[in-house]
């Protein structure tokens, strides 16, 4: 199911939000959309990432910010919300 719902990193809105599928490649100085990035941030630690459907160890899950399109566990965008406790 996730394959059909995966957010395309080349989507114009995803690009405008600084979305990447692998947060480990982010250099906050390289892109103005990455300025807010903090080491350790990732989709799986964001309030908007819903792993409840797929489980806490899922590689992809729905992101409410991107209209419930699925984002990877290790992805990131500039709308990252406070890390879940």
PDB file of N, CA and C in Angstrom:
ATOM      1  N   UNK A   1       0.818  -1.193   0.000  1.00  0.00           N
ATOM      2  CA  UNK A   1       0.000   0.000   0.000  1.00  0.00           C
ATOM      3  C   UNK A   1       0.862   1.257   0.000  1.00  0.00           C
ATOM      4  N   UNK A   2       1.927   1.303   0.754  1.00  0.00           N
ATOM      5  CA  UNK A   2       2.753   2.498   0.870  1.00  0.00           C
ATOM      6  C   UNK A   2       3.361   2.922  -0.454  1.00  0.00           C
ATOM      7  N   UNK A   3       3.669   1.989  -1.311  1.00  0.00           N
ATOM      8  CA  UNK A   3       4.347   2.321  -2.566  1.00  0.00           C
ATOM      9  C   UNK A   3       3.556   3.311  -3.400  1.00  0.00           C
ATOM     10  N   UNK A   4       2.226   3.172  -3.435  1.00  0.00           N
ATOM     11  CA  UNK A   4       1.404   4.073  -4.219  1.00  0.00           C
ATOM     12  C   UNK A   4       1.217   5.429  -3.569  1.00  0.00           C
ATOM     13  N   UNK A   5       1.506   5.537  -2.285  1.00  0.00           N
ATOM     14  CA  UNK A   5       1.282   6.767  -1.534  1.00  0.00           C
ATOM     15  C   UNK A   5       2.556   7.502  -1.151  1.00  0.00           C
ATOM     16  N   UNK A   6       3.703   7.033  -1.604  1.00  0.00           N
ATOM     17  CA  UNK A   6       4.962   7.660  -1.205  1.00  0.00           C
ATOM     18  C   UNK A   6       5.072   9.065  -1.791  1.00  0.00           C
ATOM     19  N   UNK A   7       5.501   9.996  -0.957  1.00  0.00           N
ATOM     20  CA  UNK A   7       5.715  11.362  -1.407  1.00  0.00           C
ATOM     21  C   UNK A   7       6.913  11.398  -2.353  1.00  0.00           C
ATOM     22  N   UNK A   8       6.721  11.995  -3.496  1.00  0.00           N
ATOM     23  CA  UNK A   8       7.792  12.124  -4.485  1.00  0.00           C
ATOM     24  C   UNK A   8       8.695  13.289  -4.073  1.00  0.00           C
ATOM     25  N   UNK A   9       9.975  13.033  -3.801  1.00  0.00           N
ATOM     26  CA  UNK A   9      10.873  14.115  -3.393  1.00  0.00           C
ATOM     27  C   UNK A   9      11.054  15.171  -4.481  1.00  0.00           C
ATOM     28  N   UNK A  10      10.662  14.863  -5.713  1.00  0.00           N
ATOM     29  CA  UNK A  10      10.758  15.831  -6.798  1.00  0.00           C
ATOM     30  C   UNK A  10       9.476  16.641  -6.985  1.00  0.00           C
ATOM     31  N   UNK A  11       8.458  16.352  -6.192  1.00  0.00           N
ATOM     32  CA  UNK A  11       7.220  17.124  -6.211  1.00  0.00           C
ATOM     33  C   UNK A  11       7.550  18.575  -5.855  1.00  0.00           C
ATOM     34  N   UNK A  12       6.960  19.526  -6.558  1.00  0.00           N
ATOM     35  CA  UNK A  12       7.326  20.933  -6.351  1.00  0.00           C
ATOM     36  C   UNK A  12       7.050  21.401  -4.922  1.00  0.00           C
ATOM     37  N   UNK A  13       5.942  20.958  -4.320  1.00  0.00           N
ATOM     38  CA  UNK A  13       5.657  21.369  -2.947  1.00  0.00           C
ATOM     39  C   UNK A  13       6.642  20.725  -1.979  1.00  0.00           C
ATOM     40  N   UNK A  14       6.938  19.453  -2.185  1.00  0.00           N
ATOM     41  CA  UNK A  14       7.920  18.771  -1.333  1.00  0.00           C
ATOM     42  C   UNK A  14       9.263  19.495  -1.398  1.00  0.00           C
ATOM     43  N   UNK A  15       9.677  19.879  -2.601  1.00  0.00           N
ATOM     44  CA  UNK A  15      10.943  20.611  -2.761  1.00  0.00           C
ATOM     45  C   UNK A  15      10.903  21.948  -2.034  1.00  0.00           C
ATOM     46  N   UNK A  16       9.767  22.648  -2.145  1.00  0.00           N
ATOM     47  CA  UNK A  16       9.668  23.958  -1.494  1.00  0.00           C
ATOM     48  C   UNK A  16       9.728  23.842   0.028  1.00  0.00           C
ATOM     49  N   UNK A  17       9.404  22.660   0.550  1.00  0.00           N
ATOM     50  CA  UNK A  17       9.465  22.415   1.992  1.00  0.00           C
ATOM     51  C   UNK A  17      10.795  21.793   2.408  1.00  0.00           C
ATOM     52  N   UNK A  18      11.721  21.665   1.469  1.00  0.00           N
ATOM     53  CA  UNK A  18      13.033  21.121   1.783  1.00  0.00           C
ATOM     54  C   UNK A  18      13.013  19.634   2.073  1.00  0.00           C
ATOM     55  N   UNK A  19      11.986  18.924   1.603  1.00  0.00           N
ATOM     56  CA  UNK A  19      11.847  17.496   1.880  1.00  0.00           C
ATOM     57  C   UNK A  19      12.993  16.692   1.285  1.00  0.00           C
ATOM     58  N   UNK A  20      13.535  15.805   2.104  1.00  0.00           N
ATOM     59  CA  UNK A  20      14.541  14.842   1.658  1.00  0.00           C
ATOM     60  C   UNK A  20      14.151  13.472   2.200  1.00  0.00           C
ATOM     61  N   UNK A  21      14.530  12.442   1.491  1.00  0.00           N
ATOM     62  CA  UNK A  21      14.209  11.086   1.949  1.00  0.00           C
ATOM     63  C   UNK A  21      15.218  10.567   2.956  1.00  0.00           C
ATOM     64  N   UNK A  22      16.355  11.247   3.076  1.00  0.00           N
ATOM     65  CA  UNK A  22      17.412  10.830   3.995  1.00  0.00           C
ATOM     66  C   UNK A  22      17.994  12.060   4.686  1.00  0.00           C
ATOM     67  N   UNK A  23      17.561  12.298   5.916  1.00  0.00           N
ATOM     68  CA  UNK A  23      17.980  13.486   6.658  1.00  0.00           C
ATOM     69  C   UNK A  23      19.485  13.518   6.940  1.00  0.00           C
ATOM     70  N   UNK A  24      20.149  12.384   6.861  1.00  0.00           N
ATOM     71  CA  UNK A  24      21.584  12.359   7.158  1.00  0.00           C
ATOM     72  C   UNK A  24      22.408  13.118   6.121  1.00  0.00           C
ATOM     73  N   UNK A  25      21.809  13.443   4.968  1.00  0.00           N
ATOM     74  CA  UNK A  25      22.544  14.181   3.928  1.00  0.00           C
ATOM     75  C   UNK A  25      22.384  15.693   4.058  1.00  0.00           C
ATOM     76  N   UNK A  26      21.588  16.140   5.012  1.00  0.00           N
ATOM     77  CA  UNK A  26      21.300  17.568   5.134  1.00  0.00           C
ATOM     78  C   UNK A  26      22.489  18.348   5.685  1.00  0.00           C
ATOM     79  N   UNK A  27      22.809  19.415   4.981  1.00  0.00           N
ATOM     80  CA  UNK A  27      23.777  20.410   5.454  1.00  0.00           C
ATOM     81  C   UNK A  27      22.978  21.708   5.579  1.00  0.00           C
ATOM     82  N   UNK A  28      22.668  22.147   6.804  1.00  0.00           N
ATOM     83  CA  UNK A  28      21.827  23.327   6.992  1.00  0.00           C
ATOM     84  C   UNK A  28      22.305  24.578   6.255  1.00  0.00           C
ATOM     85  N   UNK A  29      23.575  24.635   5.924  1.00  0.00           N
ATOM     86  CA  UNK A  29      24.108  25.800   5.215  1.00  0.00           C
ATOM     87  C   UNK A  29      23.928  25.703   3.704  1.00  0.00           C
ATOM     88  N   UNK A  30      23.590  24.523   3.206  1.00  0.00           N
ATOM     89  CA  UNK A  30      23.535  24.290   1.763  1.00  0.00           C
ATOM     90  C   UNK A  30      22.199  24.678   1.128  1.00  0.00           C
ATOM     91  N   UNK A  31      21.150  24.784   1.926  1.00  0.00           N
ATOM     92  CA  UNK A  31      19.822  25.051   1.369  1.00  0.00           C
ATOM     93  C   UNK A  31      19.040  25.861   2.394  1.00  0.00           C
ATOM     94  N   UNK A  32      18.463  26.963   1.971  1.00  0.00           N
ATOM     95  CA  UNK A  32      17.739  27.816   2.931  1.00  0.00           C
ATOM     96  C   UNK A  32      16.582  27.070   3.600  1.00  0.00           C
ATOM     97  N   UNK A  33      16.033  26.056   2.933  1.00  0.00           N
ATOM     98  CA  UNK A  33      14.949  25.274   3.516  1.00  0.00           C
ATOM     99  C   UNK A  33      15.416  24.338   4.618  1.00  0.00           C
ATOM    100  N   UNK A  34      16.703  24.191   4.780  1.00  0.00           N
ATOM    101  CA  UNK A  34      17.240  23.275   5.791  1.00  0.00           C
ATOM    102  C   UNK A  34      17.770  24.008   7.025  1.00  0.00           C
ATOM    103  N   UNK A  35      17.611  25.317   7.094  1.00  0.00           N
ATOM    104  CA  UNK A  35      18.176  26.099   8.204  1.00  0.00           C
ATOM    105  C   UNK A  35      17.726  25.622   9.576  1.00  0.00           C
ATOM    106  N   UNK A  36      16.478  25.169   9.694  1.00  0.00           N
ATOM    107  CA  UNK A  36      15.935  24.746  10.987  1.00  0.00           C
ATOM    108  C   UNK A  36      16.333  23.319  11.370  1.00  0.00           C
ATOM    109  N   UNK A  37      17.025  22.625  10.486  1.00  0.00           N
ATOM    110  CA  UNK A  37      17.373  21.229  10.753  1.00  0.00           C
ATOM    111  C   UNK A  37      18.278  21.097  11.977  1.00  0.00           C
ATOM    112  N   UNK A  38      17.947  20.149  12.820  1.00  0.00           N
ATOM    113  CA  UNK A  38      18.771  19.794  13.979  1.00  0.00           C
ATOM    114  C   UNK A  38      19.164  18.329  13.827  1.00  0.00           C
ATOM    115  N   UNK A  39      20.416  18.025  14.077  1.00  0.00           N
ATOM    116  CA  UNK A  39      20.900  16.656  13.984  1.00  0.00           C
ATOM    117  C   UNK A  39      20.004  15.729  14.802  1.00  0.00           C
ATOM    118  N   UNK A  40      19.654  14.611  14.209  1.00  0.00           N
ATOM    119  CA  UNK A  40      18.792  13.645  14.873  1.00  0.00           C
ATOM    120  C   UNK A  40      17.325  13.771  14.502  1.00  0.00           C
ATOM    121  N   UNK A  41      16.955  14.885  13.861  1.00  0.00           N
ATOM    122  CA  UNK A  41      15.566  15.064  13.425  1.00  0.00           C
ATOM    123  C   UNK A  41      15.276  14.146  12.250  1.00  0.00           C
ATOM    124  N   UNK A  42      14.087  13.599  12.209  1.00  0.00           N
ATOM    125  CA  UNK A  42      13.659  12.729  11.113  1.00  0.00           C
ATOM    126  C   UNK A  42      12.148  12.572  11.168  1.00  0.00           C
ATOM    127  N   UNK A  43      11.563  12.190  10.054  1.00  0.00           N
ATOM    128  CA  UNK A  43      10.109  12.016   9.976  1.00  0.00           C
ATOM    129  C   UNK A  43       9.573  11.161  11.120  1.00  0.00           C
ATOM    130  N   UNK A  44      10.247  10.079  11.434  1.00  0.00           N
ATOM    131  CA  UNK A  44       9.751   9.159  12.469  1.00  0.00           C
ATOM    132  C   UNK A  44       9.697   9.787  13.854  1.00  0.00           C
ATOM    133  N   UNK A  45      10.329  10.938  14.023  1.00  0.00           N
ATOM    134  CA  UNK A  45      10.333  11.630  15.313  1.00  0.00           C
ATOM    135  C   UNK A  45       9.465  12.887  15.292  1.00  0.00           C
ATOM    136  N   UNK A  46       8.708  13.055  14.227  1.00  0.00           N
ATOM    137  CA  UNK A  46       7.870  14.235  14.043  1.00  0.00           C
ATOM    138  C   UNK A  46       6.437  13.952  14.481  1.00  0.00           C
ATOM    139  N   UNK A  47       5.789  14.950  15.050  1.00  0.00           N
ATOM    140  CA  UNK A  47       4.398  14.815  15.475  1.00  0.00           C
ATOM    141  C   UNK A  47       3.458  14.528  14.312  1.00  0.00           C
ATOM    142  N   UNK A  48       3.844  14.879  13.102  1.00  0.00           N
ATOM    143  CA  UNK A  48       2.965  14.740  11.945  1.00  0.00           C
ATOM    144  C   UNK A  48       3.078  13.386  11.250  1.00  0.00           C
ATOM    145  N   UNK A  49       4.052  12.576  11.663  1.00  0.00           N
ATOM    146  CA  UNK A  49       4.293  11.253  11.056  1.00  0.00           C
ATOM    147  C   UNK A  49       3.476  10.233  11.814  1.00  0.00           C
ATOM    148  N   UNK A  50       2.621   9.497  11.139  1.00  0.00           N
ATOM    149  CA  UNK A  50       1.711   8.568  11.799  1.00  0.00           C
ATOM    150  C   UNK A  50       2.088   7.121  11.514  1.00  0.00           C
ATOM    151  N   UNK A  51       2.863   6.566  12.400  1.00  0.00           N
ATOM    152  CA  UNK A  51       3.276   5.173  12.251  1.00  0.00           C
ATOM    153  C   UNK A  51       2.278   4.189  12.843  1.00  0.00           C
ATOM    154  N   UNK A  52       1.122   4.681  13.305  1.00  0.00           N
ATOM    155  CA  UNK A  52       0.156   3.790  13.960  1.00  0.00           C
ATOM    156  C   UNK A  52      -0.402   2.723  13.011  1.00  0.00           C
ATOM    157  N   UNK A  53      -0.553   3.065  11.725  1.00  0.00           N
ATOM    158  CA  UNK A  53      -1.065   2.099  10.745  1.00  0.00           C
ATOM    159  C   UNK A  53      -0.040   1.021  10.416  1.00  0.00           C
ATOM    160  N   UNK A  54       1.214   1.413  10.391  1.00  0.00           N
ATOM    161  CA  UNK A  54       2.254   0.517   9.898  1.00  0.00           C
ATOM    162  C   UNK A  54       3.151  -0.033  10.999  1.00  0.00           C
ATOM    163  N   UNK A  55       3.048   0.511  12.192  1.00  0.00           N
ATOM    164  CA  UNK A  55       3.880   0.048  13.297  1.00  0.00           C
ATOM    165  C   UNK A  55       5.051   0.977  13.537  1.00  0.00           C
ATOM    166  N   UNK A  56       5.575   0.943  14.727  1.00  0.00           N
ATOM    167  CA  UNK A  56       6.620   1.878  15.126  1.00  0.00           C
ATOM    168  C   UNK A  56       7.948   1.661  14.409  1.00  0.00           C
ATOM    169  N   UNK A  57       8.145   0.505  13.805  1.00  0.00           N
ATOM    170  CA  UNK A  57       9.403   0.217  13.106  1.00  0.00           C
ATOM    171  C   UNK A  57       9.259   0.338  11.584  1.00  0.00           C
ATOM    172  N   UNK A  58       8.135   0.855  11.118  1.00  0.00           N
ATOM    173  CA  UNK A  58       7.860   0.960   9.685  1.00  0.00           C
ATOM    174  C   UNK A  58       8.875   1.857   8.987  1.00  0.00           C
ATOM    175  N   UNK A  59       9.198   1.506   7.769  1.00  0.00           N
ATOM    176  CA  UNK A  59      10.105   2.332   6.971  1.00  0.00           C
ATOM    177  C   UNK A  59       9.386   3.548   6.391  1.00  0.00           C
ATOM    178  N   UNK A  60       8.088   3.439   6.129  1.00  0.00           N
ATOM    179  CA  UNK A  60       7.270   4.530   5.610  1.00  0.00           C
ATOM    180  C   UNK A  60       5.980   4.620   6.412  1.00  0.00           C
ATOM    181  N   UNK A  61       5.448   5.833   6.539  1.00  0.00           N
ATOM    182  CA  UNK A  61       4.151   6.032   7.181  1.00  0.00           C
ATOM    183  C   UNK A  61       3.553   7.335   6.663  1.00  0.00           C
ATOM    184  N   UNK A  62       2.268   7.520   6.922  1.00  0.00           N
ATOM    185  CA  UNK A  62       1.563   8.709   6.463  1.00  0.00           C
ATOM    186  C   UNK A  62       2.035   9.958   7.205  1.00  0.00           C
ATOM    187  N   UNK A  63       2.137  11.045   6.470  1.00  0.00           N
ATOM    188  CA  UNK A  63       2.479  12.345   7.046  1.00  0.00           C
ATOM    189  C   UNK A  63       1.278  13.258   6.837  1.00  0.00           C
ATOM    190  N   UNK A  64       0.678  13.730   7.919  1.00  0.00           N
ATOM    191  CA  UNK A  64      -0.510  14.573   7.797  1.00  0.00           C
ATOM    192  C   UNK A  64      -0.201  15.899   7.107  1.00  0.00           C
ATOM    193  N   UNK A  65       1.007  16.384   7.205  1.00  0.00           N
ATOM    194  CA  UNK A  65       1.370  17.639   6.550  1.00  0.00           C
ATOM    195  C   UNK A  65       1.315  17.515   5.035  1.00  0.00           C
ATOM    196  N   UNK A  66       1.715  16.377   4.522  1.00  0.00           N
ATOM    197  CA  UNK A  66       1.722  16.155   3.073  1.00  0.00           C
ATOM    198  C   UNK A  66       0.470  15.404   2.622  1.00  0.00           C
ATOM    199  N   UNK A  67      -0.672  15.700   3.223  1.00  0.00           N
ATOM    200  CA  UNK A  67      -1.934  15.113   2.795  1.00  0.00           C
ATOM    201  C   UNK A  67      -1.972  13.607   2.937  1.00  0.00           C
ATOM    202  N   UNK A  68      -1.330  13.112   3.977  1.00  0.00           N
ATOM    203  CA  UNK A  68      -1.268  11.679   4.268  1.00  0.00           C
ATOM    204  C   UNK A  68      -0.498  10.871   3.229  1.00  0.00           C
ATOM    205  N   UNK A  69       0.305  11.547   2.412  1.00  0.00           N
ATOM    206  CA  UNK A  69       1.240  10.791   1.574  1.00  0.00           C
ATOM    207  C   UNK A  69       2.288  10.211   2.523  1.00  0.00           C
ATOM    208  N   UNK A  70       2.898   9.130   2.115  1.00  0.00           N
ATOM    209  CA  UNK A  70       3.826   8.428   2.987  1.00  0.00           C
ATOM    210  C   UNK A  70       5.239   8.962   2.815  1.00  0.00           C
ATOM    211  N   UNK A  71       5.895   9.153   3.945  1.00  0.00           N
ATOM    212  CA  UNK A  71       7.276   9.625   3.940  1.00  0.00           C
ATOM    213  C   UNK A  71       8.147   8.591   4.641  1.00  0.00           C
ATOM    214  N   UNK A  72       9.423   8.562   4.332  1.00  0.00           N
ATOM    215  CA  UNK A  72      10.305   7.562   4.950  1.00  0.00           C
ATOM    216  C   UNK A  72      10.671   7.915   6.390  1.00  0.00           C
ATOM    217  N   UNK A  73      10.896   6.902   7.147  1.00  0.00           N
ATOM    218  CA  UNK A  73      11.301   7.049   8.553  1.00  0.00           C
ATOM    219  C   UNK A  73      12.446   8.056   8.711  1.00  0.00           C
ATOM    220  N   UNK A  74      13.424   7.991   7.845  1.00  0.00           N
ATOM    221  CA  UNK A  74      14.609   8.838   7.956  1.00  0.00           C
ATOM    222  C   UNK A  74      14.543  10.136   7.172  1.00  0.00           C
ATOM    223  N   UNK A  75      13.371  10.484   6.644  1.00  0.00           N
ATOM    224  CA  UNK A  75      13.227  11.724   5.873  1.00  0.00           C
ATOM    225  C   UNK A  75      13.121  12.949   6.772  1.00  0.00           C
ATOM    226  N   UNK A  76      12.943  14.106   6.140  1.00  0.00           N
ATOM    227  CA  UNK A  76      12.806  15.356   6.892  1.00  0.00           C
ATOM    228  C   UNK A  76      12.260  16.439   5.977  1.00  0.00           C
ATOM    229  N   UNK A  77      11.534  17.406   6.560  1.00  0.00           N
ATOM    230  CA  UNK A  77      11.145  18.625   5.853  1.00  0.00           C
ATOM    231  C   UNK A  77      11.167  19.773   6.853  1.00  0.00           C
ATOM    232  N   UNK A  78      11.100  21.000   6.349  1.00  0.00           N
ATOM    233  CA  UNK A  78      11.215  22.161   7.247  1.00  0.00           C
ATOM    234  C   UNK A  78      10.001  22.354   8.134  1.00  0.00           C
ATOM    235  N   UNK A  79       8.958  21.566   7.962  1.00  0.00           N
ATOM    236  CA  UNK A  79       7.795  21.641   8.844  1.00  0.00           C
ATOM    237  C   UNK A  79       7.912  20.650  10.002  1.00  0.00           C
ATOM    238  N   UNK A  80       9.091  20.098  10.195  1.00  0.00           N
ATOM    239  CA  UNK A  80       9.335  19.162  11.291  1.00  0.00           C
ATOM    240  C   UNK A  80       8.826  19.759  12.597  1.00  0.00           C
ATOM    241  N   UNK A  81       8.044  18.979  13.325  1.00  0.00           N
ATOM    242  CA  UNK A  81       7.495  19.411  14.618  1.00  0.00           C
ATOM    243  C   UNK A  81       8.234  18.713  15.737  1.00  0.00           C
ATOM    244  N   UNK A  82       8.130  19.284  16.903  1.00  0.00           N
ATOM    245  CA  UNK A  82       8.834  18.802  18.089  1.00  0.00           C
ATOM    246  C   UNK A  82       8.855  17.286  18.178  1.00  0.00           C
ATOM    247  N   UNK A  83      10.003  16.765  18.502  1.00  0.00           N
ATOM    248  CA  UNK A  83      10.213  15.324  18.614  1.00  0.00           C
ATOM    249  C   UNK A  83       9.220  14.725  19.600  1.00  0.00           C
ATOM    250  N   UNK A  84       8.642  13.601  19.198  1.00  0.00           N
ATOM    251  CA  UNK A  84       7.704  12.892  20.075  1.00  0.00           C
ATOM    252  C   UNK A  84       8.419  12.395  21.312  1.00  0.00           C
ATOM    253  N   UNK A  85       7.701  12.353  22.405  1.00  0.00           N
ATOM    254  CA  UNK A  85       8.305  11.836  23.641  1.00  0.00           C
ATOM    255  C   UNK A  85       8.140  10.341  23.746  1.00  0.00           C
TER     256      UNK A  85
END
